[in-house]
């Protein structure tokens, strides 16, 4: 019932079209024993995701992203019940038709933290940041080896070199100005990052890679308790510091004192320059967007930017 989606053109034509997607989602739900359940599509996210009734969520992955569906199911099963906050429980996962895959999971309670954050008083923000840090620390403490057959990048050092080789071009494509672009090669060359050749592979962890407010849920009516962590499809195995890109850019967001609190609760601090280097090397890096969303230093210097976004004073 869902057509094949392999190319970007297929994706743009099929995935946003609810006259195509909804009948397929309903057909799949019927086959999973949820015939007649209400379907409400979430407006955000790269994949089509539906609330199914009050208790379930159906996430769909076209052929072009089939591996992400396998990753999501495997990682969710691996972390279930092992973190300080709930994660979605997998009820069913597998192939549908025409290359599509699905994951049917439990629905987390609470509200999207990104939506709730503007209403949160300072004390609530500090509580959420502390609980989020404890959650990330617990995730990083899990043994990633059982997931090595489905999670990349495999050779962390080679991954960093690939990212480094396109770092300038990647930001140029996103519209970064020359005054920033010209600094990137020397800045990256000046920052030492761990790779497999220096024994760091033994310290590699299961990474969420998009640890951000949009993937955390919170219950404001219950003292702003953190109620969940979701969206594990981009998970990787690698250096723990890589996950702090999302923390600094999308959780603490240069709000004074919050990153220092996060790192204290996490149990480790990181060099701001290392975290900015990982920001430039991140799979989804978009420095022009970040510069529009977050405070920038008075002078356009990457060293100053590292301190502004990832310094312990922020």
C-alpha atoms as a PDB file:
ATOM      1  CA  UNK A   1       0.000   0.000   0.000  1.00  0.00           C
ATOM      2  CA  UNK A   2       2.992   2.299   0.447  1.00  0.00           C
ATOM      3  CA  UNK A   3       4.972   2.958  -2.744  1.00  0.00           C
ATOM      4  CA  UNK A   4       8.700   2.398  -3.032  1.00  0.00           C
ATOM      5  CA  UNK A   5      10.832   5.329  -1.856  1.00  0.00           C
ATOM      6  CA  UNK A   6      14.476   5.157  -2.901  1.00  0.00           C
ATOM      7  CA  UNK A   7      15.475   8.537  -4.326  1.00  0.00           C
ATOM      8  CA  UNK A   8      15.156  12.042  -2.872  1.00  0.00           C
ATOM      9  CA  UNK A   9      12.515  12.735  -5.500  1.00  0.00           C
ATOM     10  CA  UNK A  10      10.535   9.713  -4.286  1.00  0.00           C
ATOM     11  CA  UNK A  11      10.859  10.972  -0.725  1.00  0.00           C
ATOM     12  CA  UNK A  12       9.640  14.485  -1.551  1.00  0.00           C
ATOM     13  CA  UNK A  13       6.708  13.102  -3.484  1.00  0.00           C
ATOM     14  CA  UNK A  14       5.537  10.366  -1.116  1.00  0.00           C
ATOM     15  CA  UNK A  15       6.531  10.999   2.497  1.00  0.00           C
ATOM     16  CA  UNK A  16       4.789  14.380   3.015  1.00  0.00           C
ATOM     17  CA  UNK A  17       1.613  13.205   1.259  1.00  0.00           C
ATOM     18  CA  UNK A  18      -0.923  12.075   3.851  1.00  0.00           C
ATOM     19  CA  UNK A  19      -3.285  10.789   1.172  1.00  0.00           C
ATOM     20  CA  UNK A  20      -0.605   8.172   0.508  1.00  0.00           C
ATOM     21  CA  UNK A  21       0.961   7.718   3.925  1.00  0.00           C
ATOM     22  CA  UNK A  22      -2.119   7.493   6.133  1.00  0.00           C
ATOM     23  CA  UNK A  23      -3.787   4.546   4.360  1.00  0.00           C
ATOM     24  CA  UNK A  24      -0.488   2.671   4.519  1.00  0.00           C
ATOM     25  CA  UNK A  25      -0.087   3.420   8.219  1.00  0.00           C
ATOM     26  CA  UNK A  26      -3.680   2.341   8.891  1.00  0.00           C
ATOM     27  CA  UNK A  27      -3.190  -0.890   6.944  1.00  0.00           C
ATOM     28  CA  UNK A  28      -0.026  -1.678   8.897  1.00  0.00           C
ATOM     29  CA  UNK A  29      -1.736  -0.934  12.217  1.00  0.00           C
ATOM     30  CA  UNK A  30      -4.573  -3.267  11.307  1.00  0.00           C
ATOM     31  CA  UNK A  31      -2.064  -6.019  10.664  1.00  0.00           C
ATOM     32  CA  UNK A  32      -0.537  -5.329  14.088  1.00  0.00           C
ATOM     33  CA  UNK A  33      -3.869  -5.704  15.869  1.00  0.00           C
ATOM     34  CA  UNK A  34      -4.642  -1.998  16.137  1.00  0.00           C
ATOM     35  CA  UNK A  35      -7.371  -1.688  13.519  1.00  0.00           C
ATOM     36  CA  UNK A  36      -9.526   1.397  14.033  1.00  0.00           C
ATOM     37  CA  UNK A  37      -7.082   3.140  16.375  1.00  0.00           C
ATOM     38  CA  UNK A  38      -6.774   6.877  15.836  1.00  0.00           C
ATOM     39  CA  UNK A  39      -3.738   8.028  13.855  1.00  0.00           C
ATOM     40  CA  UNK A  40      -2.214  11.427  14.500  1.00  0.00           C
ATOM     41  CA  UNK A  41       0.902  12.301  12.559  1.00  0.00           C
ATOM     42  CA  UNK A  42       3.603  14.204  14.415  1.00  0.00           C
ATOM     43  CA  UNK A  43       4.546  17.364  12.499  1.00  0.00           C
ATOM     44  CA  UNK A  44       8.279  17.201  13.308  1.00  0.00           C
ATOM     45  CA  UNK A  45      10.961  14.657  12.517  1.00  0.00           C
ATOM     46  CA  UNK A  46      12.676  13.323   9.436  1.00  0.00           C
ATOM     47  CA  UNK A  47      10.637  10.082   9.310  1.00  0.00           C
ATOM     48  CA  UNK A  48       6.833   9.720   9.217  1.00  0.00           C
ATOM     49  CA  UNK A  49       5.707   9.075  12.793  1.00  0.00           C
ATOM     50  CA  UNK A  50       2.150   8.566  14.087  1.00  0.00           C
ATOM     51  CA  UNK A  51       0.574   8.495  17.512  1.00  0.00           C
ATOM     52  CA  UNK A  52      -1.620   5.381  17.447  1.00  0.00           C
ATOM     53  CA  UNK A  53      -4.387   5.781  19.992  1.00  0.00           C
ATOM     54  CA  UNK A  54      -3.148   6.912  23.390  1.00  0.00           C
ATOM     55  CA  UNK A  55      -0.484   4.302  24.044  1.00  0.00           C
ATOM     56  CA  UNK A  56       1.469   3.562  20.877  1.00  0.00           C
ATOM     57  CA  UNK A  57       3.676   5.283  18.333  1.00  0.00           C
ATOM     58  CA  UNK A  58       4.311   3.968  14.816  1.00  0.00           C
ATOM     59  CA  UNK A  59       7.502   5.069  13.103  1.00  0.00           C
ATOM     60  CA  UNK A  60       7.902   4.331   9.400  1.00  0.00           C
ATOM     61  CA  UNK A  61      11.126   4.053   7.408  1.00  0.00           C
ATOM     62  CA  UNK A  62      11.110   3.959   3.594  1.00  0.00           C
ATOM     63  CA  UNK A  63      13.613   1.855   1.683  1.00  0.00           C
ATOM     64  CA  UNK A  64      15.965   4.826   1.468  1.00  0.00           C
ATOM     65  CA  UNK A  65      16.190   4.790   5.268  1.00  0.00           C
ATOM     66  CA  UNK A  66      15.557   1.116   5.980  1.00  0.00           C
ATOM     67  CA  UNK A  67      18.769   0.721   7.968  1.00  0.00           C
ATOM     68  CA  UNK A  68      17.580   3.474  10.321  1.00  0.00           C
ATOM     69  CA  UNK A  69      14.549   1.335  11.145  1.00  0.00           C
ATOM     70  CA  UNK A  70      16.767  -1.595  12.042  1.00  0.00           C
ATOM     71  CA  UNK A  71      18.963   0.682  14.154  1.00  0.00           C
ATOM     72  CA  UNK A  72      16.008   2.220  15.994  1.00  0.00           C
ATOM     73  CA  UNK A  73      14.558  -1.145  16.976  1.00  0.00           C
ATOM     74  CA  UNK A  74      17.873  -2.649  18.041  1.00  0.00           C
ATOM     75  CA  UNK A  75      19.006   0.314  20.113  1.00  0.00           C
ATOM     76  CA  UNK A  76      15.635   0.769  21.811  1.00  0.00           C
ATOM     77  CA  UNK A  77      15.639  -2.900  22.800  1.00  0.00           C
ATOM     78  CA  UNK A  78      19.215  -2.593  24.072  1.00  0.00           C
ATOM     79  CA  UNK A  79      18.562   0.421  26.330  1.00  0.00           C
ATOM     80  CA  UNK A  80      15.102  -0.532  27.597  1.00  0.00           C
ATOM     81  CA  UNK A  81      14.937  -0.314  31.386  1.00  0.00           C
ATOM     82  CA  UNK A  82      18.630   0.551  31.695  1.00  0.00           C
ATOM     83  CA  UNK A  83      18.482   4.354  31.855  1.00  0.00           C
ATOM     84  CA  UNK A  84      17.262   6.671  34.630  1.00  0.00           C
ATOM     85  CA  UNK A  85      14.347   7.760  32.429  1.00  0.00           C
ATOM     86  CA  UNK A  86      12.044   5.672  30.236  1.00  0.00           C
ATOM     87  CA  UNK A  87      12.680   5.047  26.553  1.00  0.00           C
ATOM     88  CA  UNK A  88      10.043   3.781  24.118  1.00  0.00           C
ATOM     89  CA  UNK A  89       9.430   0.046  24.439  1.00  0.00           C
ATOM     90  CA  UNK A  90       9.424  -1.874  21.159  1.00  0.00           C
ATOM     91  CA  UNK A  91       6.181  -3.796  20.672  1.00  0.00           C
ATOM     92  CA  UNK A  92       6.848  -4.868  17.093  1.00  0.00           C
ATOM     93  CA  UNK A  93       9.354  -4.122  14.355  1.00  0.00           C
ATOM     94  CA  UNK A  94      10.081  -5.444  10.902  1.00  0.00           C
ATOM     95  CA  UNK A  95       9.534  -5.171   7.170  1.00  0.00           C
ATOM     96  CA  UNK A  96       6.261  -3.956   5.649  1.00  0.00           C
ATOM     97  CA  UNK A  97       6.232  -3.745   1.846  1.00  0.00           C
ATOM     98  CA  UNK A  98       8.186  -2.138  -0.998  1.00  0.00           C
ATOM     99  CA  UNK A  99      11.234  -1.801   1.221  1.00  0.00           C
ATOM    100  CA  UNK A 100       9.444  -0.014   4.072  1.00  0.00           C
ATOM    101  CA  UNK A 101      10.235  -0.913   7.672  1.00  0.00           C
ATOM    102  CA  UNK A 102       8.401  -0.002  10.843  1.00  0.00           C
ATOM    103  CA  UNK A 103       8.802   0.179  14.595  1.00  0.00           C
ATOM    104  CA  UNK A 104       5.703   0.080  16.801  1.00  0.00           C
ATOM    105  CA  UNK A 105       6.642   1.387  20.235  1.00  0.00           C
ATOM    106  CA  UNK A 106       5.147   2.639  23.449  1.00  0.00           C
ATOM    107  CA  UNK A 107       4.271   6.316  23.768  1.00  0.00           C
ATOM    108  CA  UNK A 108       6.218   8.286  26.360  1.00  0.00           C
ATOM    109  CA  UNK A 109       4.386  10.417  28.891  1.00  0.00           C
ATOM    110  CA  UNK A 110       4.980  14.115  29.289  1.00  0.00           C
ATOM    111  CA  UNK A 111       5.634  17.009  26.964  1.00  0.00           C
ATOM    112  CA  UNK A 112       8.340  17.761  24.431  1.00  0.00           C
ATOM    113  CA  UNK A 113      11.040  19.608  26.411  1.00  0.00           C
ATOM    114  CA  UNK A 114      11.633  22.055  23.554  1.00  0.00           C
ATOM    115  CA  UNK A 115       8.001  23.137  23.775  1.00  0.00           C
ATOM    116  CA  UNK A 116       7.928  23.261  27.560  1.00  0.00           C
ATOM    117  CA  UNK A 117      11.290  24.977  28.099  1.00  0.00           C
ATOM    118  CA  UNK A 118      10.153  28.635  27.746  1.00  0.00           C
ATOM    119  CA  UNK A 119       7.713  28.119  30.635  1.00  0.00           C
ATOM    120  CA  UNK A 120      10.265  26.485  32.914  1.00  0.00           C
ATOM    121  CA  UNK A 121      11.594  28.591  35.801  1.00  0.00           C
ATOM    122  CA  UNK A 122      15.335  28.571  36.459  1.00  0.00           C
ATOM    123  CA  UNK A 123      15.142  25.926  39.189  1.00  0.00           C
ATOM    124  CA  UNK A 124      13.189  23.621  36.863  1.00  0.00           C
ATOM    125  CA  UNK A 125      15.721  24.091  34.091  1.00  0.00           C
ATOM    126  CA  UNK A 126      18.518  23.176  36.452  1.00  0.00           C
ATOM    127  CA  UNK A 127      16.677  20.038  37.549  1.00  0.00           C
ATOM    128  CA  UNK A 128      16.032  18.976  33.959  1.00  0.00           C
ATOM    129  CA  UNK A 129      19.659  19.596  32.993  1.00  0.00           C
ATOM    130  CA  UNK A 130      20.886  17.496  35.928  1.00  0.00           C
ATOM    131  CA  UNK A 131      18.553  14.600  35.098  1.00  0.00           C
ATOM    132  CA  UNK A 132      19.444  14.821  31.410  1.00  0.00           C
ATOM    133  CA  UNK A 133      23.151  14.630  32.262  1.00  0.00           C
ATOM    134  CA  UNK A 134      22.610  11.585  34.468  1.00  0.00           C
ATOM    135  CA  UNK A 135      20.684   9.974  31.616  1.00  0.00           C
ATOM    136  CA  UNK A 136      23.451  10.623  29.096  1.00  0.00           C
ATOM    137  CA  UNK A 137      26.072   9.307  31.518  1.00  0.00           C
ATOM    138  CA  UNK A 138      24.055   6.102  31.959  1.00  0.00           C
ATOM    139  CA  UNK A 139      23.711   5.725  28.194  1.00  0.00           C
ATOM    140  CA  UNK A 140      27.462   6.118  27.751  1.00  0.00           C
ATOM    141  CA  UNK A 141      28.121   3.566  30.494  1.00  0.00           C
ATOM    142  CA  UNK A 142      26.324   0.808  28.575  1.00  0.00           C
ATOM    143  CA  UNK A 143      28.390  -1.730  26.667  1.00  0.00           C
ATOM    144  CA  UNK A 144      27.969  -0.854  22.955  1.00  0.00           C
ATOM    145  CA  UNK A 145      29.492  -4.094  21.677  1.00  0.00           C
ATOM    146  CA  UNK A 146      26.160  -5.941  21.218  1.00  0.00           C
ATOM    147  CA  UNK A 147      25.202  -3.221  18.730  1.00  0.00           C
ATOM    148  CA  UNK A 148      28.469  -3.170  16.773  1.00  0.00           C
ATOM    149  CA  UNK A 149      26.941  -5.158  13.921  1.00  0.00           C
ATOM    150  CA  UNK A 150      24.359  -2.442  13.181  1.00  0.00           C
ATOM    151  CA  UNK A 151      25.986   0.795  14.338  1.00  0.00           C
ATOM    152  CA  UNK A 152      28.743   2.719  12.575  1.00  0.00           C
ATOM    153  CA  UNK A 153      31.085   4.180  11.889  1.00  0.00           C
ATOM    154  CA  UNK A 154      33.372   1.255  12.767  1.00  0.00           C
ATOM    155  CA  UNK A 155      36.728   3.004  12.454  1.00  0.00           C
ATOM    156  CA  UNK A 156      36.329   6.231  14.438  1.00  0.00           C
ATOM    157  CA  UNK A 157      39.592   7.714  13.203  1.00  0.00           C
ATOM    158  CA  UNK A 158      38.678   7.111   9.570  1.00  0.00           C
ATOM    159  CA  UNK A 159      35.256   8.647  10.198  1.00  0.00           C
ATOM    160  CA  UNK A 160      36.852  11.800  11.607  1.00  0.00           C
ATOM    161  CA  UNK A 161      39.186  12.059   8.638  1.00  0.00           C
ATOM    162  CA  UNK A 162      36.277  11.762   6.211  1.00  0.00           C
ATOM    163  CA  UNK A 163      34.392  14.464   8.053  1.00  0.00           C
ATOM    164  CA  UNK A 164      37.485  16.654   8.247  1.00  0.00           C
ATOM    165  CA  UNK A 165      38.117  16.339   4.501  1.00  0.00           C
ATOM    166  CA  UNK A 166      34.730  17.913   3.728  1.00  0.00           C
ATOM    167  CA  UNK A 167      34.381  20.231   6.706  1.00  0.00           C
ATOM    168  CA  UNK A 168      34.930  23.456   4.804  1.00  0.00           C
ATOM    169  CA  UNK A 169      32.861  22.433   1.798  1.00  0.00           C
ATOM    170  CA  UNK A 170      30.020  21.238   4.043  1.00  0.00           C
ATOM    171  CA  UNK A 171      29.738  24.643   5.722  1.00  0.00           C
ATOM    172  CA  UNK A 172      30.168  26.486   2.419  1.00  0.00           C
ATOM    173  CA  UNK A 173      27.202  24.557   1.021  1.00  0.00           C
ATOM    174  CA  UNK A 174      25.182  25.730   4.013  1.00  0.00           C
ATOM    175  CA  UNK A 175      26.089  29.369   3.395  1.00  0.00           C
ATOM    176  CA  UNK A 176      28.789  30.045   5.978  1.00  0.00           C
ATOM    177  CA  UNK A 177      30.635  33.321   5.335  1.00  0.00           C
ATOM    178  CA  UNK A 178      34.309  33.336   4.312  1.00  0.00           C
ATOM    179  CA  UNK A 179      35.408  35.002   7.554  1.00  0.00           C
ATOM    180  CA  UNK A 180      34.414  31.797   9.370  1.00  0.00           C
ATOM    181  CA  UNK A 181      35.235  29.340   6.583  1.00  0.00           C
ATOM    182  CA  UNK A 182      38.854  30.444   6.303  1.00  0.00           C
ATOM    183  CA  UNK A 183      39.507  29.549   9.958  1.00  0.00           C
ATOM    184  CA  UNK A 184      38.228  25.977   9.845  1.00  0.00           C
ATOM    185  CA  UNK A 185      41.319  24.094   8.534  1.00  0.00           C
ATOM    186  CA  UNK A 186      43.757  25.641  11.013  1.00  0.00           C
ATOM    187  CA  UNK A 187      41.287  25.325  13.876  1.00  0.00           C
ATOM    188  CA  UNK A 188      40.680  21.631  13.246  1.00  0.00           C
ATOM    189  CA  UNK A 189      44.415  21.012  12.836  1.00  0.00           C
ATOM    190  CA  UNK A 190      45.032  22.590  16.240  1.00  0.00           C
ATOM    191  CA  UNK A 191      42.571  20.344  18.135  1.00  0.00           C
ATOM    192  CA  UNK A 192      43.512  16.810  19.161  1.00  0.00           C
ATOM    193  CA  UNK A 193      40.637  14.344  18.984  1.00  0.00           C
ATOM    194  CA  UNK A 194      40.809  10.706  20.142  1.00  0.00           C
ATOM    195  CA  UNK A 195      40.921   8.022  17.481  1.00  0.00           C
ATOM    196  CA  UNK A 196      41.451   4.283  17.393  1.00  0.00           C
ATOM    197  CA  UNK A 197      45.207   4.628  16.939  1.00  0.00           C
ATOM    198  CA  UNK A 198      45.706   6.134  20.384  1.00  0.00           C
ATOM    199  CA  UNK A 199      43.812   3.493  22.335  1.00  0.00           C
ATOM    200  CA  UNK A 200      40.620   5.536  22.516  1.00  0.00           C
ATOM    201  CA  UNK A 201      38.542   2.772  20.922  1.00  0.00           C
ATOM    202  CA  UNK A 202      38.361   1.052  24.307  1.00  0.00           C
ATOM    203  CA  UNK A 203      36.619   4.167  25.641  1.00  0.00           C
ATOM    204  CA  UNK A 204      34.037   4.393  22.888  1.00  0.00           C
ATOM    205  CA  UNK A 205      30.411   4.481  23.926  1.00  0.00           C
ATOM    206  CA  UNK A 206      26.907   4.156  22.574  1.00  0.00           C
ATOM    207  CA  UNK A 207      26.108   7.643  21.286  1.00  0.00           C
ATOM    208  CA  UNK A 208      22.667   9.121  20.812  1.00  0.00           C
ATOM    209  CA  UNK A 209      24.192  11.790  18.477  1.00  0.00           C
ATOM    210  CA  UNK A 210      21.120  14.067  18.680  1.00  0.00           C
ATOM    211  CA  UNK A 211      20.779  14.575  22.426  1.00  0.00           C
ATOM    212  CA  UNK A 212      18.553  17.651  22.377  1.00  0.00           C
ATOM    213  CA  UNK A 213      15.445  19.140  23.948  1.00  0.00           C
ATOM    214  CA  UNK A 214      13.332  17.884  21.029  1.00  0.00           C
ATOM    215  CA  UNK A 215      14.179  14.290  21.984  1.00  0.00           C
ATOM    216  CA  UNK A 216      13.517  14.627  25.712  1.00  0.00           C
ATOM    217  CA  UNK A 217      10.124  14.656  27.416  1.00  0.00           C
ATOM    218  CA  UNK A 218       9.236  16.322  30.693  1.00  0.00           C
ATOM    219  CA  UNK A 219       6.259  16.516  33.050  1.00  0.00           C
ATOM    220  CA  UNK A 220       5.807  20.143  34.204  1.00  0.00           C
ATOM    221  CA  UNK A 221       2.943  19.207  36.533  1.00  0.00           C
ATOM    222  CA  UNK A 222       5.218  16.770  38.389  1.00  0.00           C
ATOM    223  CA  UNK A 223       7.979  19.154  39.380  1.00  0.00           C
ATOM    224  CA  UNK A 224       9.432  19.255  35.868  1.00  0.00           C
ATOM    225  CA  UNK A 225      10.513  15.627  36.095  1.00  0.00           C
ATOM    226  CA  UNK A 226      12.249  14.268  33.006  1.00  0.00           C
ATOM    227  CA  UNK A 227      10.029  11.483  31.643  1.00  0.00           C
ATOM    228  CA  UNK A 228      11.788  10.123  28.589  1.00  0.00           C
ATOM    229  CA  UNK A 229      14.443  10.014  25.893  1.00  0.00           C
ATOM    230  CA  UNK A 230      13.545   9.073  22.319  1.00  0.00           C
ATOM    231  CA  UNK A 231      14.733   8.927  18.704  1.00  0.00           C
ATOM    232  CA  UNK A 232      17.695   6.559  18.532  1.00  0.00           C
ATOM    233  CA  UNK A 233      17.788   6.032  14.766  1.00  0.00           C
ATOM    234  CA  UNK A 234      20.998   8.132  14.291  1.00  0.00           C
ATOM    235  CA  UNK A 235      22.858   6.271  17.071  1.00  0.00           C
ATOM    236  CA  UNK A 236      26.566   5.532  16.629  1.00  0.00           C
ATOM    237  CA  UNK A 237      29.489   4.083  18.569  1.00  0.00           C
ATOM    238  CA  UNK A 238      32.297   6.538  19.201  1.00  0.00           C
ATOM    239  CA  UNK A 239      33.852   9.177  21.438  1.00  0.00           C
ATOM    240  CA  UNK A 240      31.558  10.330  24.251  1.00  0.00           C
ATOM    241  CA  UNK A 241      32.429  13.976  23.608  1.00  0.00           C
ATOM    242  CA  UNK A 242      30.620  13.789  20.255  1.00  0.00           C
ATOM    243  CA  UNK A 243      27.285  13.704  22.103  1.00  0.00           C
ATOM    244  CA  UNK A 244      28.088  17.015  23.791  1.00  0.00           C
ATOM    245  CA  UNK A 245      27.578  18.811  20.487  1.00  0.00           C
ATOM    246  CA  UNK A 246      23.842  18.263  20.908  1.00  0.00           C
ATOM    247  CA  UNK A 247      24.042  19.087  24.615  1.00  0.00           C
ATOM    248  CA  UNK A 248      25.683  22.462  24.092  1.00  0.00           C
ATOM    249  CA  UNK A 249      23.745  23.507  21.004  1.00  0.00           C
ATOM    250  CA  UNK A 250      20.296  22.153  21.792  1.00  0.00           C
ATOM    251  CA  UNK A 251      19.984  21.544  25.540  1.00  0.00           C
ATOM    252  CA  UNK A 252      21.957  24.201  27.440  1.00  0.00           C
ATOM    253  CA  UNK A 253      22.164  26.611  24.459  1.00  0.00           C
ATOM    254  CA  UNK A 254      24.727  28.982  26.027  1.00  0.00           C
ATOM    255  CA  UNK A 255      22.435  29.743  28.980  1.00  0.00           C
ATOM    256  CA  UNK A 256      24.786  30.806  31.814  1.00  0.00           C
ATOM    257  CA  UNK A 257      25.724  28.038  34.219  1.00  0.00           C
ATOM    258  CA  UNK A 258      23.755  25.231  32.595  1.00  0.00           C
ATOM    259  CA  UNK A 259      26.553  23.493  30.719  1.00  0.00           C
ATOM    260  CA  UNK A 260      28.749  23.554  33.823  1.00  0.00           C
ATOM    261  CA  UNK A 261      25.867  21.980  35.766  1.00  0.00           C
ATOM    262  CA  UNK A 262      25.369  19.374  33.048  1.00  0.00           C
ATOM    263  CA  UNK A 263      29.029  18.373  33.031  1.00  0.00           C
ATOM    264  CA  UNK A 264      29.156  18.195  36.828  1.00  0.00           C
ATOM    265  CA  UNK A 265      26.161  15.835  36.897  1.00  0.00           C
ATOM    266  CA  UNK A 266      27.590  13.858  33.973  1.00  0.00           C
ATOM    267  CA  UNK A 267      30.854  13.424  35.849  1.00  0.00           C
ATOM    268  CA  UNK A 268      33.309  14.791  33.298  1.00  0.00           C
ATOM    269  CA  UNK A 269      34.228  18.063  31.636  1.00  0.00           C
ATOM    270  CA  UNK A 270      35.364  18.630  28.068  1.00  0.00           C
ATOM    271  CA  UNK A 271      37.560  21.215  26.384  1.00  0.00           C
ATOM    272  CA  UNK A 272      35.363  23.779  24.582  1.00  0.00           C
ATOM    273  CA  UNK A 273      37.673  23.694  21.541  1.00  0.00           C
ATOM    274  CA  UNK A 274      37.283  19.922  21.279  1.00  0.00           C
ATOM    275  CA  UNK A 275      33.508  20.253  21.365  1.00  0.00           C
ATOM    276  CA  UNK A 276      33.512  22.932  18.673  1.00  0.00           C
ATOM    277  CA  UNK A 277      35.752  20.700  16.554  1.00  0.00           C
ATOM    278  CA  UNK A 278      33.184  17.921  16.899  1.00  0.00           C
ATOM    279  CA  UNK A 279      30.494  20.466  16.001  1.00  0.00           C
ATOM    280  CA  UNK A 280      32.274  21.117  12.714  1.00  0.00           C
ATOM    281  CA  UNK A 281      32.757  17.384  12.102  1.00  0.00           C
ATOM    282  CA  UNK A 282      29.271  16.277  13.119  1.00  0.00           C
ATOM    283  CA  UNK A 283      27.242  14.404  10.503  1.00  0.00           C
ATOM    284  CA  UNK A 284      24.507  17.061  10.628  1.00  0.00           C
ATOM    285  CA  UNK A 285      26.735  20.099  11.147  1.00  0.00           C
ATOM    286  CA  UNK A 286      25.216  23.421  10.069  1.00  0.00           C
ATOM    287  CA  UNK A 287      27.212  26.308  11.516  1.00  0.00           C
ATOM    288  CA  UNK A 288      25.218  29.112   9.813  1.00  0.00           C
ATOM    289  CA  UNK A 289      22.029  27.804  11.432  1.00  0.00           C
ATOM    290  CA  UNK A 290      23.672  27.562  14.851  1.00  0.00           C
ATOM    291  CA  UNK A 291      24.982  31.118  14.524  1.00  0.00           C
ATOM    292  CA  UNK A 292      21.443  32.316  13.877  1.00  0.00           C
ATOM    293  CA  UNK A 293      20.040  30.384  16.840  1.00  0.00           C
ATOM    294  CA  UNK A 294      22.715  30.938  19.505  1.00  0.00           C
ATOM    295  CA  UNK A 295      24.759  33.873  20.825  1.00  0.00           C
ATOM    296  CA  UNK A 296      27.952  34.638  18.921  1.00  0.00           C
ATOM    297  CA  UNK A 297      31.124  36.275  20.256  1.00  0.00           C
ATOM    298  CA  UNK A 298      31.797  39.940  19.388  1.00  0.00           C
ATOM    299  CA  UNK A 299      34.610  38.949  17.000  1.00  0.00           C
ATOM    300  CA  UNK A 300      34.131  36.135  14.461  1.00  0.00           C
ATOM    301  CA  UNK A 301      36.789  33.815  15.866  1.00  0.00           C
ATOM    302  CA  UNK A 302      36.345  30.053  16.299  1.00  0.00           C
ATOM    303  CA  UNK A 303      38.261  30.012  19.578  1.00  0.00           C
ATOM    304  CA  UNK A 304      35.885  32.602  20.989  1.00  0.00           C
ATOM    305  CA  UNK A 305      32.904  30.736  19.583  1.00  0.00           C
ATOM    306  CA  UNK A 306      34.040  27.551  21.348  1.00  0.00           C
ATOM    307  CA  UNK A 307      34.073  29.377  24.671  1.00  0.00           C
ATOM    308  CA  UNK A 308      30.721  31.065  24.033  1.00  0.00           C
ATOM    309  CA  UNK A 309      28.894  27.806  23.283  1.00  0.00           C
ATOM    310  CA  UNK A 310      30.856  25.233  25.253  1.00  0.00           C
ATOM    311  CA  UNK A 311      32.725  27.102  28.001  1.00  0.00           C
ATOM    312  CA  UNK A 312      32.149  26.253  31.639  1.00  0.00           C
ATOM    313  CA  UNK A 313      30.911  29.772  32.235  1.00  0.00           C
ATOM    314  CA  UNK A 314      27.964  29.052  29.961  1.00  0.00           C
END
